[in-house]
Protein backbone atom coordinates (compact mmCIF):
# COMPACT_ATOMS: atom_id res chain seq x y z
CA MET A 1 50.77 9.40 18.39
CA MET A 2 48.52 10.04 15.39
CA ASN A 3 50.17 12.18 12.74
CA ALA A 4 48.44 15.11 11.01
CA ASP A 5 47.75 13.30 7.75
CA ASN A 6 45.94 10.38 9.42
CA GLU A 7 43.88 12.68 11.55
CA LYS A 8 42.82 14.68 8.51
CA GLU A 9 41.79 11.53 6.65
CA ILE A 10 39.73 10.29 9.59
CA ARG A 11 37.96 13.64 9.92
CA GLU A 12 37.04 13.57 6.21
CA LYS A 13 35.56 10.07 6.58
CA LEU A 14 33.52 11.15 9.60
CA LEU A 15 32.16 14.17 7.77
CA LYS A 16 31.28 11.99 4.78
CA MET A 17 29.48 9.47 7.00
CA GLN A 18 27.60 12.25 8.81
CA GLN A 19 26.45 13.62 5.46
CA GLU A 20 25.26 10.15 4.38
CA LEU A 21 23.31 9.82 7.64
CA VAL A 22 21.68 13.20 7.03
CA ASP A 23 20.73 12.15 3.48
CA CYS A 24 19.24 8.88 4.76
CA LYS A 25 17.26 10.73 7.42
CA ASN A 26 15.89 13.16 4.83
CA GLU A 27 14.92 10.26 2.57
CA ILE A 28 13.16 8.49 5.44
CA ASP A 29 11.22 11.66 6.32
CA ALA A 30 10.18 12.06 2.70
CA LEU A 31 8.91 8.47 2.55
CA LYS A 32 6.97 8.97 5.77
CA LYS A 33 5.26 12.05 4.34
CA LEU A 34 4.42 10.15 1.17
CA ILE A 35 2.88 7.30 3.15
CA ASN A 36 0.87 9.65 5.37
CA THR A 37 -0.37 11.59 2.36
CA GLY A 38 -1.44 8.38 0.54
CA SER A 39 -3.33 7.04 3.55
CA GLN A 40 -5.26 10.30 3.91
CA GLN A 41 -6.42 10.31 0.29
CA LYS A 42 -9.94 9.03 -0.25
CA ILE A 43 -10.00 5.84 -2.21
CA TYR A 44 -12.79 5.75 -4.74
CA LYS A 45 -14.11 2.34 -5.69
CA PRO A 46 -16.32 1.81 -8.67
CA LYS A 47 -19.89 1.69 -7.56
CA GLN A 48 -21.29 -1.79 -7.75
CA PRO A 49 -24.62 -2.09 -9.47
CA GLU A 50 -27.37 -2.68 -7.01
CA PRO A 51 -28.92 -6.13 -7.25
CA LEU A 52 -32.21 -6.21 -9.02
CA PRO A 53 -35.25 -6.78 -6.85
CA ALA A 54 -36.49 -10.35 -6.85
CA ALA A 55 -39.47 -9.46 -9.02
CA ASN A 56 -37.26 -7.78 -11.64
CA SER A 57 -34.80 -10.69 -11.61
CA LEU A 58 -37.66 -13.10 -12.25
CA GLU A 59 -38.97 -10.89 -15.03
CA ASN A 60 -35.47 -10.72 -16.51
CA PHE A 61 -35.19 -14.52 -16.53
CA VAL A 62 -38.68 -15.07 -17.95
CA GLY A 63 -38.57 -12.27 -20.50
CA LEU A 64 -35.05 -12.74 -21.81
CA LYS A 65 -34.40 -16.44 -21.38
CA LEU A 66 -37.52 -18.52 -20.77
CA ILE A 67 -40.24 -17.17 -23.05
CA HIS A 68 -38.51 -17.81 -26.37
CA PHE A 69 -37.43 -21.27 -25.20
CA VAL A 70 -40.99 -22.24 -24.28
CA GLY A 71 -42.34 -20.50 -27.35
CA ILE A 72 -40.28 -22.51 -29.81
CA ILE A 73 -41.26 -25.74 -28.04
CA ILE A 74 -44.95 -24.81 -28.20
CA LEU A 75 -44.56 -23.86 -31.86
CA PHE A 76 -42.83 -27.16 -32.58
CA ILE A 77 -45.59 -29.11 -30.81
CA GLY A 78 -48.20 -27.13 -32.73
CA LEU A 79 -46.59 -27.95 -36.07
CA SER A 80 -46.37 -31.63 -35.08
CA ILE A 81 -50.01 -31.77 -34.01
CA GLY A 82 -51.00 -29.88 -37.15
CA VAL A 83 -49.30 -32.48 -39.32
CA LYS A 84 -51.01 -35.25 -37.38
CA TYR A 85 -54.39 -33.54 -37.74
CA ALA A 86 -53.87 -33.16 -41.48
CA ILE A 87 -53.02 -36.85 -41.65
CA ASP A 88 -56.12 -37.89 -39.71
CA ILE A 89 -58.71 -35.96 -41.74
CA ASN A 90 -56.95 -35.89 -45.13
CA LEU A 91 -57.25 -32.12 -45.15
CA ILE A 92 -54.58 -31.61 -47.78
CA SER A 93 -52.54 -33.87 -49.99
CA PRO A 94 -49.36 -35.43 -48.56
CA THR A 95 -47.12 -33.45 -50.89
CA VAL A 96 -48.69 -30.15 -49.85
CA ARG A 97 -48.37 -31.06 -46.17
CA ILE A 98 -44.64 -31.69 -46.58
CA ILE A 99 -44.14 -28.49 -48.60
CA LEU A 100 -45.95 -26.39 -45.99
CA ALA A 101 -43.88 -27.95 -43.20
CA TYR A 102 -40.66 -27.19 -45.07
CA LEU A 103 -41.89 -23.61 -45.63
CA ALA A 104 -42.52 -23.22 -41.91
CA GLY A 105 -39.00 -24.43 -41.14
CA SER A 106 -37.54 -22.16 -43.82
CA THR A 107 -39.39 -19.18 -42.32
CA LEU A 108 -37.86 -19.89 -38.93
CA LEU A 109 -34.45 -20.26 -40.56
CA LEU A 110 -34.68 -16.95 -42.45
CA LEU A 111 -35.84 -15.12 -39.34
CA SER A 112 -32.92 -16.56 -37.39
CA PHE A 113 -30.46 -15.23 -40.00
CA LYS A 114 -32.14 -11.82 -40.11
CA LEU A 115 -32.07 -11.37 -36.33
CA ARG A 116 -28.66 -12.90 -35.74
CA LYS A 117 -26.69 -9.65 -35.29
CA LYS A 118 -28.96 -7.85 -32.86
CA TYR A 119 -30.63 -10.76 -31.08
CA GLU A 120 -28.14 -13.63 -31.12
CA LEU A 121 -29.74 -15.86 -28.49
CA PHE A 122 -33.23 -15.43 -29.92
CA SER A 123 -31.96 -16.17 -33.43
CA LEU A 124 -30.25 -19.33 -32.19
CA ILE A 125 -33.55 -20.51 -30.70
CA LEU A 126 -35.26 -19.94 -34.05
CA PHE A 127 -32.43 -21.75 -35.81
CA SER A 128 -32.84 -24.76 -33.52
CA GLY A 129 -36.58 -24.80 -34.14
CA ALA A 130 -35.96 -24.74 -37.89
CA VAL A 131 -33.60 -27.71 -37.68
CA ALA A 132 -36.11 -29.72 -35.60
CA THR A 133 -38.87 -28.84 -38.08
CA PHE A 134 -36.76 -30.03 -41.01
CA TYR A 135 -36.03 -33.23 -39.11
CA PHE A 136 -39.61 -34.30 -38.53
CA THR A 137 -40.70 -33.14 -42.00
CA THR A 138 -38.03 -35.25 -43.69
CA TYR A 139 -38.83 -38.20 -41.46
CA GLY A 140 -42.56 -37.89 -42.24
CA ALA A 141 -41.95 -37.49 -45.97
CA TYR A 142 -40.13 -40.82 -46.02
CA GLU A 143 -41.81 -42.91 -43.34
CA TYR A 144 -45.47 -41.90 -43.63
CA TYR A 145 -45.87 -40.85 -47.26
CA GLY A 146 -42.99 -42.43 -49.19
CA ILE A 147 -42.48 -39.16 -51.08
CA ILE A 148 -38.68 -39.40 -50.82
CA SER A 149 -36.43 -42.44 -50.83
CA ARG A 150 -34.68 -43.93 -47.82
CA TRP A 151 -31.27 -42.72 -48.96
CA LEU A 152 -32.44 -39.19 -49.69
CA ALA A 153 -34.03 -39.00 -46.24
CA PHE A 154 -30.82 -40.33 -44.70
CA VAL A 155 -28.66 -37.77 -46.54
CA VAL A 156 -30.96 -34.87 -45.60
CA MET A 157 -31.07 -35.82 -41.92
CA LEU A 158 -27.33 -36.44 -41.89
CA CYS A 159 -26.80 -32.93 -43.26
CA LEU A 160 -29.17 -31.51 -40.65
CA THR A 161 -27.23 -33.33 -37.93
CA ILE A 162 -23.95 -31.90 -39.20
CA VAL A 163 -25.38 -28.38 -39.41
CA ALA A 164 -26.75 -28.56 -35.85
CA VAL A 165 -23.48 -29.95 -34.49
CA VAL A 166 -21.35 -27.32 -36.24
CA ALA A 167 -23.62 -24.49 -35.07
CA ALA A 168 -23.61 -25.75 -31.48
CA ILE A 169 -19.81 -25.91 -31.44
CA LYS A 170 -19.35 -22.58 -33.24
CA TYR A 171 -21.58 -20.60 -30.89
CA ASN A 172 -20.78 -22.78 -27.85
CA LYS A 173 -24.48 -23.05 -27.06
CA ALA A 174 -25.95 -26.30 -25.74
CA ILE A 175 -29.43 -24.89 -26.46
CA ILE A 176 -28.88 -25.39 -30.20
CA ALA A 177 -28.17 -29.07 -29.74
CA MET A 178 -30.97 -29.49 -27.19
CA LEU A 179 -33.63 -27.97 -29.44
CA GLY A 180 -32.19 -28.90 -32.83
CA LEU A 181 -31.00 -32.44 -32.23
CA VAL A 182 -32.85 -33.51 -29.13
CA GLY A 183 -36.05 -31.84 -30.29
CA ALA A 184 -36.06 -34.37 -33.10
CA TYR A 185 -36.56 -37.14 -30.52
CA ALA A 186 -40.05 -35.80 -29.88
CA ILE A 187 -41.23 -36.68 -33.37
CA PRO A 188 -42.33 -40.25 -32.55
CA PHE A 189 -44.37 -38.91 -29.61
CA PHE A 190 -46.21 -36.14 -31.48
CA VAL A 191 -46.56 -37.54 -35.00
CA ARG A 192 -47.89 -41.05 -35.16
CA GLY A 193 -48.96 -42.03 -38.59
CA ASN A 194 -48.95 -45.43 -40.23
CA GLU A 195 -45.47 -46.28 -39.05
CA SER A 196 -44.86 -49.98 -39.38
CA ASN A 197 -41.08 -50.30 -39.67
CA ILE A 198 -39.37 -50.21 -36.30
CA ASN A 199 -35.98 -50.38 -38.01
CA ASN A 200 -36.58 -47.02 -39.71
CA LEU A 201 -37.49 -45.38 -36.42
CA LEU A 202 -34.47 -46.71 -34.54
CA THR A 203 -32.14 -45.88 -37.43
CA TYR A 204 -33.47 -42.33 -37.36
CA ILE A 205 -32.83 -42.11 -33.60
CA LEU A 206 -29.36 -43.60 -34.07
CA LEU A 207 -28.52 -40.90 -36.62
CA ILE A 208 -29.42 -38.17 -34.15
CA ASN A 209 -27.40 -39.95 -31.46
CA LEU A 210 -24.33 -39.86 -33.70
CA GLY A 211 -24.59 -36.08 -33.64
CA VAL A 212 -24.84 -36.15 -29.84
CA LEU A 213 -21.82 -38.48 -29.72
CA PHE A 214 -19.72 -36.10 -31.80
CA LEU A 215 -20.72 -33.19 -29.59
CA SER A 216 -19.82 -35.18 -26.47
CA LEU A 217 -16.26 -35.46 -27.79
CA LYS A 218 -16.03 -31.66 -27.99
CA LYS A 219 -18.21 -30.38 -25.15
CA TYR A 220 -19.21 -31.62 -21.71
CA TRP A 221 -22.94 -30.87 -21.90
CA LEU A 222 -24.38 -33.29 -19.36
CA SER A 223 -27.96 -32.08 -19.85
CA LEU A 224 -27.71 -32.92 -23.55
CA ASN A 225 -26.50 -36.43 -22.73
CA TYR A 226 -29.34 -36.92 -20.24
CA ILE A 227 -32.04 -35.90 -22.72
CA ALA A 228 -30.59 -37.95 -25.57
CA PHE A 229 -29.99 -40.96 -23.33
CA PHE A 230 -33.45 -41.22 -21.77
CA SER A 231 -35.28 -40.26 -24.99
CA SER A 232 -33.49 -42.95 -26.98
CA TRP A 233 -34.05 -45.74 -24.48
CA VAL A 234 -37.70 -44.78 -23.95
CA ILE A 235 -38.26 -44.95 -27.71
CA TYR A 236 -36.38 -48.25 -27.87
CA PHE A 237 -38.43 -49.92 -25.12
CA GLY A 238 -41.58 -48.40 -26.61
CA SER A 239 -40.70 -50.16 -29.86
CA LEU A 240 -40.35 -53.47 -28.02
CA TYR A 241 -43.94 -53.23 -26.81
CA SER A 242 -45.53 -51.39 -29.73
CA ASP A 243 -48.46 -52.81 -31.67
CA ASN A 244 -46.26 -53.00 -34.75
CA TYR A 245 -43.70 -55.29 -33.14
CA ASP A 246 -42.95 -58.47 -35.03
CA ASN A 247 -40.43 -61.22 -34.37
CA LYS A 248 -38.75 -60.33 -37.65
CA PHE A 249 -37.41 -57.22 -35.90
CA SER A 250 -35.77 -59.20 -33.07
CA ASN A 251 -32.30 -59.46 -34.59
CA SER A 252 -32.22 -55.80 -35.59
CA LEU A 253 -33.47 -54.80 -32.12
CA LEU A 254 -30.61 -56.79 -30.64
CA LEU A 255 -28.18 -54.89 -32.85
CA PHE A 256 -29.70 -51.51 -31.96
CA ALA A 257 -29.47 -52.32 -28.24
CA ILE A 258 -25.75 -52.98 -28.62
CA LEU A 259 -25.24 -49.84 -30.71
CA TYR A 260 -27.13 -47.64 -28.25
CA PHE A 261 -25.23 -49.09 -25.30
CA VAL A 262 -21.82 -48.53 -26.92
CA LEU A 263 -22.78 -45.08 -28.17
CA PHE A 264 -23.99 -43.79 -24.79
CA THR A 265 -21.07 -45.41 -22.95
CA VAL A 266 -18.64 -43.55 -25.22
CA SER A 267 -20.59 -40.27 -25.08
CA THR A 268 -20.64 -40.44 -21.27
CA LEU A 269 -16.93 -41.12 -20.81
CA ALA A 270 -15.14 -39.90 -23.94
CA PHE A 271 -14.82 -36.17 -23.17
CA LYS A 272 -13.28 -36.61 -19.72
CA LEU A 273 -11.06 -39.51 -20.75
CA PHE A 274 -9.68 -37.58 -23.72
CA LYS A 275 -9.15 -34.48 -21.58
CA LYS A 276 -7.68 -36.65 -18.78
CA LEU A 277 -10.27 -35.42 -16.30
CA ALA A 278 -11.76 -37.41 -13.45
CA ILE A 279 -15.02 -39.27 -14.09
CA ALA A 280 -17.61 -37.68 -11.80
CA LEU A 281 -20.26 -39.45 -9.74
CA GLU A 282 -23.03 -38.38 -12.14
CA ASP A 283 -21.09 -39.87 -15.07
CA ALA A 284 -20.75 -43.17 -13.23
CA GLY A 285 -24.46 -43.03 -12.41
CA LEU A 286 -25.41 -42.55 -16.06
CA LEU A 287 -23.08 -45.40 -17.03
CA SER A 288 -24.79 -47.65 -14.47
CA ILE A 289 -28.28 -46.81 -15.76
CA ASN A 290 -27.10 -47.38 -19.33
CA THR A 291 -25.82 -50.83 -18.35
CA VAL A 292 -29.10 -51.70 -16.59
CA PHE A 293 -31.15 -50.61 -19.64
CA PHE A 294 -28.86 -52.64 -21.89
CA TYR A 295 -29.29 -55.70 -19.69
CA PHE A 296 -33.09 -55.50 -19.74
CA ALA A 297 -33.12 -54.84 -23.51
CA LEU A 298 -30.99 -57.93 -24.16
CA ASN A 299 -33.00 -59.96 -21.69
CA ILE A 300 -36.31 -59.15 -23.42
CA VAL A 301 -35.07 -59.60 -26.99
CA LEU A 302 -33.12 -62.81 -26.32
CA GLN A 303 -36.12 -64.32 -24.55
CA ARG A 304 -38.30 -63.56 -27.57
CA ILE A 305 -35.77 -65.11 -29.93
CA ASN A 306 -35.24 -68.15 -27.71
CA PRO A 307 -37.05 -68.65 -24.36
CA SER A 308 -33.84 -69.98 -22.79
CA GLY A 309 -31.52 -67.56 -24.58
CA ASN A 310 -31.19 -65.23 -21.61
CA GLU A 311 -30.51 -67.94 -19.06
CA ASN A 312 -26.90 -66.98 -18.22
CA LEU A 313 -27.07 -63.33 -19.23
CA SER A 314 -26.47 -61.94 -15.74
CA LEU A 315 -23.38 -64.16 -15.37
CA TYR A 316 -21.98 -62.89 -18.67
CA PHE A 317 -22.63 -59.32 -17.55
CA SER A 318 -20.87 -59.99 -14.25
CA ILE A 319 -17.78 -61.35 -15.99
CA GLY A 320 -17.71 -58.57 -18.56
CA LEU A 321 -18.08 -55.84 -15.92
CA LEU A 322 -15.38 -57.47 -13.77
CA VAL A 323 -12.96 -57.50 -16.72
CA ALA A 324 -13.81 -53.87 -17.47
CA GLY A 325 -13.27 -52.95 -13.82
CA VAL A 326 -9.86 -54.65 -13.72
CA ALA A 327 -8.86 -52.92 -16.96
CA SER A 328 -10.00 -49.59 -15.54
CA SER A 329 -7.99 -50.15 -12.35
CA PHE A 330 -4.82 -50.91 -14.31
CA TYR A 331 -5.03 -48.47 -17.21
CA LEU A 332 -7.13 -45.66 -15.71
CA LYS A 333 -5.79 -45.62 -12.17
CA GLY A 334 -7.10 -42.15 -11.33
CA GLN A 335 -10.70 -42.96 -12.27
CA GLN A 336 -11.96 -44.15 -8.90
CA TYR A 337 -15.68 -43.65 -9.60
CA LEU A 338 -15.43 -45.55 -12.89
CA SER A 339 -13.71 -48.64 -11.49
CA SER A 340 -15.94 -48.63 -8.39
CA CYS A 341 -19.03 -48.45 -10.58
CA LEU A 342 -17.90 -51.40 -12.72
CA TYR A 343 -16.95 -53.57 -9.73
CA THR A 344 -20.23 -52.81 -7.96
CA MET A 345 -22.33 -53.70 -11.01
CA SER A 346 -20.32 -56.90 -11.45
CA VAL A 347 -21.07 -58.01 -7.87
CA ILE A 348 -24.76 -57.10 -8.25
CA ALA A 349 -25.01 -59.06 -11.51
CA LEU A 350 -23.36 -62.11 -9.94
CA THR A 351 -25.63 -61.88 -6.89
CA CYS A 352 -28.68 -61.75 -9.16
CA PHE A 353 -27.39 -64.73 -11.16
CA VAL A 354 -27.15 -66.81 -7.98
CA ALA A 355 -30.65 -65.74 -6.91
CA LEU A 356 -32.13 -66.62 -10.33
CA HIS A 357 -30.47 -70.02 -10.77
CA PHE A 358 -30.47 -71.51 -7.29
CA GLU A 359 -32.92 -71.97 -4.44
CA GLY A 360 -33.21 -71.05 -0.75
CA PHE A 361 -30.47 -72.82 1.20
CA THR A 362 -28.00 -72.89 -1.70
CA ILE A 363 -28.46 -69.16 -2.33
CA THR A 364 -27.69 -68.37 1.30
CA ILE A 365 -24.49 -70.43 1.36
CA ILE A 366 -23.24 -69.08 -1.99
CA TRP A 367 -23.94 -65.47 -0.96
CA VAL A 368 -21.99 -65.97 2.28
CA ILE A 369 -19.08 -67.48 0.34
CA LEU A 370 -19.20 -64.60 -2.14
CA ALA A 371 -19.19 -62.12 0.76
CA ILE A 372 -16.14 -63.88 2.21
CA VAL A 373 -14.32 -63.68 -1.12
CA LEU A 374 -15.10 -59.96 -1.38
CA PHE A 375 -13.89 -59.31 2.15
CA VAL A 376 -10.64 -61.23 1.62
CA ALA A 377 -10.08 -59.40 -1.68
CA GLY A 378 -10.69 -56.11 0.11
CA MET A 379 -8.10 -57.02 2.74
CA VAL A 380 -5.49 -58.36 0.33
CA PHE A 381 -5.77 -55.57 -2.24
CA GLN A 382 -6.62 -52.91 0.38
CA GLN A 383 -9.83 -52.02 -1.46
CA LYS A 384 -12.45 -50.42 0.76
CA LEU A 385 -15.13 -50.92 -1.90
CA PHE A 386 -14.83 -54.72 -1.75
CA ARG A 387 -15.16 -54.70 2.03
CA ILE A 388 -18.24 -52.45 1.85
CA LEU A 389 -19.81 -54.70 -0.78
CA SER A 390 -19.04 -57.68 1.45
CA ILE A 391 -20.83 -56.06 4.40
CA PHE A 392 -23.88 -55.25 2.25
CA LEU A 393 -24.00 -58.82 0.96
CA PHE A 394 -23.79 -60.14 4.51
CA ALA A 395 -26.68 -57.83 5.45
CA ILE A 396 -28.82 -59.01 2.53
CA THR A 397 -28.08 -62.62 3.42
CA ILE A 398 -29.08 -62.09 7.05
CA ILE A 399 -32.33 -60.34 6.02
CA LYS A 400 -33.10 -63.21 3.63
CA LEU A 401 -32.26 -65.75 6.30
CA ILE A 402 -34.55 -64.21 8.91
CA LEU A 403 -37.48 -63.02 6.79
CA PHE A 404 -37.70 -65.59 4.01
CA ASP A 405 -35.77 -68.72 4.89
CA SER A 406 -37.03 -69.38 8.41
CA ASP A 407 -40.32 -70.87 7.14
CA SER A 408 -38.90 -72.80 4.19
CA PHE A 409 -35.69 -74.32 5.63
CA THR A 410 -35.60 -77.64 7.42
CA ALA A 411 -34.26 -77.73 10.96
CA VAL A 412 -30.87 -78.99 9.76
CA GLN A 413 -30.65 -76.30 7.08
CA LYS A 414 -31.49 -73.61 9.63
CA VAL A 415 -28.78 -74.84 11.98
CA ILE A 416 -26.15 -74.98 9.24
CA ALA A 417 -27.13 -71.62 7.73
CA TYR A 418 -27.25 -69.73 11.03
CA ILE A 419 -24.07 -71.27 12.45
CA PHE A 420 -22.13 -70.86 9.22
CA THR A 421 -23.24 -67.25 8.73
CA GLY A 422 -22.70 -66.33 12.38
CA ALA A 423 -19.23 -67.91 12.50
CA VAL A 424 -18.19 -66.09 9.36
CA LEU A 425 -19.41 -62.78 10.74
CA LEU A 426 -17.41 -63.32 13.95
CA ILE A 427 -14.30 -64.10 11.92
CA VAL A 428 -14.82 -60.96 9.86
CA SER A 429 -15.26 -58.94 13.04
CA PHE A 430 -12.04 -60.40 14.47
CA LEU A 431 -10.14 -59.55 11.29
CA TYR A 432 -11.42 -55.99 11.51
CA GLN A 433 -10.10 -55.79 15.08
CA ARG A 434 -6.83 -57.52 14.26
CA TYR A 435 -5.99 -55.41 11.23
CA LYS A 436 -7.81 -52.17 12.00
CA HIS A 437 -4.53 -50.23 11.84
CA LEU A 438 -4.13 -51.39 8.24
CA ILE A 439 -7.77 -50.82 7.33
CA PHE A 440 -8.48 -47.52 9.08
CA GLY A 441 -4.96 -46.16 9.59
CA ASP A 442 -2.66 -45.73 12.57
CA LYS A 443 -5.10 -43.44 14.40
CA GLU A 444 -7.40 -46.43 14.93
CA LYS A 445 -4.67 -48.59 16.44
CA ASN A 446 -5.38 -47.81 20.08
CA ARG A 447 -9.09 -47.08 19.87
CA ASP A 448 -11.39 -49.31 21.88
CA LEU A 449 -14.18 -51.38 20.38
């Protein structure tokens, strides 16, 4: 039987527990009231600004962003045409022309400094126009009039390049580089005096490209690379077919082609490689176009130096691109677009070499063999790209065989070509069926043909 002391202790514990339950209940009720009160309060959200009507948005874009951009371009063109007009009619002396052009650039520069605090973007546009004006004035003072020496012109334009690059990086504005540096590319198109030295022109373009190269190491401004890339190669090929071309420029043109190719290859890839970012499809596309331009530049110049000097050029390109592709696969394993681009160009170059150095029946057989090698490599190394290239090469071979070779092959050649190609295609098809689980994955294992 429970004694009095134990009973008293148990009663005290029960009372204590009852009090704790009451406290918990009160706390729960209080929390419920707080929740109900909060849900009933009206929540005020900051009012979002209403979107501007389409007409106002267009006016905003034109008035605040487009007009000054177009204006500085028109002003730059006007100054260029004015200089050309003065040259044509001998309106003023060469020294006065250069002084007036420098004064115009200085005016733009002073206005840009004066308006920098209140109208930053507008002042940057003026600054870019001033830099471009100083560029073509310095170039004209040296090339057309001989007022300043080669080295002085080089130093001035080097300083202008540095100023434009520093300003573009400081303000993080691609527009400065596009108008200041790239605007200088327009000089050969608008001012055409008695230029006779192609080396001076291409050296001038190379100097501007060095500024673009430095910027490409700091900023990923693809539009800047596009403008610089196409402007430079257009000017280069224009020099190849200009009236002032002479064979004495062939060696220097060969050197400039190499320099431009290396420079634009680095400017296209450097930023993302240094930042360990993936090379995008547009980067690989620009690299491909750069390689094609380089090939045609070398092909033209080497043929002018020696008619048979370009005979094996496509083969050398194929080997070089293959080596670059292998190096990319081993040392830049995450850069799929880069390695794919290099391998594809290598195959195209080798295919072109075969087409240029062999004839009908031999071309067909070699292309089929090359397609077989690509397919086997794709199977062994599990590279989808090689298999796709193999299929495309088979397709080209079949089109050639049907459309072009049927009339030129002998009966024996037709039999051999068709049987050989058909047999190879059947073998390839069988290998696809046999190893489809390795090629396409396990989900293809049980799928019907």
